[in-house]
Amino acid sequence: MMDLHAAYDGCVRPMTFQPIPFALSGTPGVAVDPPPPRGAHTRAMLAEVGIDVPEGTGVTPYPPDPPLLRWLWTVLRWGWFAYRRGSM
């Protein structure tokens, strides 16, 4: 089976994707570049209409990782909810 590897912003290693397991003879699978981060093309688009904006305007950064204790509390809370509902 063919594996596709693509690098994404915010990921340490390239992500691996496996296409759907049936063959498409008329349209073979290809690896394409991922879309740019949200707002990455803002300066170029606004420059075309004559608006000058500072570097980095419009780029939305990835949210920071939540603090460990808050993350653990969320996992425990949802785990307890799943246990009470009979999902675990």
Protein backbone atom coordinates (compact mmCIF):
# COMPACT_ATOMS: atom_id res chain seq x y z
CA MET A 1 0.00 0.00 0.00
CA MET A 2 1.21 3.51 -0.79
CA ASP A 3 1.99 5.82 2.15
CA LEU A 4 1.92 9.58 1.77
CA HIS A 5 4.13 11.68 4.06
CA ALA A 6 3.43 15.39 4.50
CA ALA A 7 5.02 18.01 6.76
CA TYR A 8 2.63 20.29 8.61
CA ASP A 9 3.34 23.40 10.67
CA GLY A 10 3.36 22.60 14.37
CA CYS A 11 4.22 18.91 13.87
CA VAL A 12 7.66 17.62 14.80
CA ARG A 13 7.71 14.81 12.24
CA PRO A 14 5.99 14.45 8.87
CA MET A 15 2.51 12.98 9.17
CA THR A 16 1.80 9.66 7.45
CA PHE A 17 -1.41 9.15 5.49
CA GLN A 18 -2.68 5.99 3.85
CA PRO A 19 -5.06 6.45 0.95
CA ILE A 20 -8.34 4.58 0.67
CA PRO A 21 -7.54 0.92 -0.11
CA PHE A 22 -9.32 0.68 -3.45
CA ALA A 23 -7.59 1.51 -6.72
CA LEU A 24 -8.57 4.53 -8.78
CA SER A 25 -7.19 3.77 -12.22
CA GLY A 26 -8.38 7.02 -13.78
CA THR A 27 -7.24 9.25 -10.92
CA PRO A 28 -4.10 7.93 -9.22
CA GLY A 29 -3.26 9.21 -5.75
CA VAL A 30 -0.69 11.98 -5.49
CA ALA A 31 0.86 13.89 -2.60
CA VAL A 32 0.01 17.58 -2.69
CA ASP A 33 1.27 20.41 -0.52
CA PRO A 34 -0.88 21.16 2.51
CA PRO A 35 -2.78 24.43 2.54
CA PRO A 36 -0.95 27.41 4.05
CA PRO A 37 -1.62 28.29 7.70
CA ARG A 38 -4.66 30.46 8.16
CA GLY A 39 -3.76 34.03 7.23
CA ALA A 40 -0.31 33.23 5.78
CA HIS A 41 -1.17 34.90 2.47
CA THR A 42 -2.76 38.01 4.02
CA ARG A 43 0.14 40.37 3.25
CA ALA A 44 0.40 39.26 -0.39
CA MET A 45 -3.32 39.66 -1.02
CA LEU A 46 -3.52 43.08 0.62
CA ALA A 47 -0.37 44.26 -1.19
CA GLU A 48 -2.14 43.58 -4.51
CA VAL A 49 -4.81 46.15 -3.60
CA GLY A 50 -2.30 48.66 -2.22
CA ILE A 51 -2.63 48.10 1.54
CA ASP A 52 0.65 47.72 3.46
CA VAL A 53 0.46 45.67 6.67
CA PRO A 54 3.20 44.70 9.15
CA GLU A 55 5.00 41.33 8.97
CA GLY A 56 3.02 38.54 10.65
CA THR A 57 -0.36 40.26 10.41
CA GLY A 58 -3.21 37.81 9.97
CA VAL A 59 -1.26 34.64 10.82
CA THR A 60 -3.06 32.68 13.51
CA PRO A 61 -0.59 30.78 15.72
CA TYR A 62 -1.29 27.34 17.12
CA PRO A 63 -2.77 27.45 20.62
CA PRO A 64 -0.29 26.67 23.38
CA ASP A 65 -0.42 23.32 25.13
CA PRO A 66 -2.71 23.39 28.17
CA PRO A 67 -1.11 23.17 31.62
CA LEU A 68 -0.57 19.57 32.74
CA LEU A 69 -2.86 19.70 35.78
CA ARG A 70 -5.75 21.20 33.81
CA TRP A 71 -5.26 18.58 31.08
CA LEU A 72 -5.18 15.73 33.64
CA TRP A 73 -8.31 17.09 35.31
CA THR A 74 -10.12 17.15 31.95
CA VAL A 75 -9.05 13.58 31.15
CA LEU A 76 -10.18 12.34 34.57
CA ARG A 77 -13.48 14.20 34.36
CA TRP A 78 -14.32 12.78 30.91
CA GLY A 79 -13.07 9.36 31.95
CA TRP A 80 -15.41 9.41 34.96
CA PHE A 81 -18.26 10.53 32.71
CA ALA A 82 -17.57 7.67 30.28
CA TYR A 83 -17.35 5.19 33.16
CA ARG A 84 -20.72 6.30 34.57
CA ARG A 85 -22.33 6.08 31.13
CA GLY A 86 -21.07 2.51 30.70
CA SER A 87 -18.69 3.28 27.84
CA MET A 88 -15.69 1.84 29.66
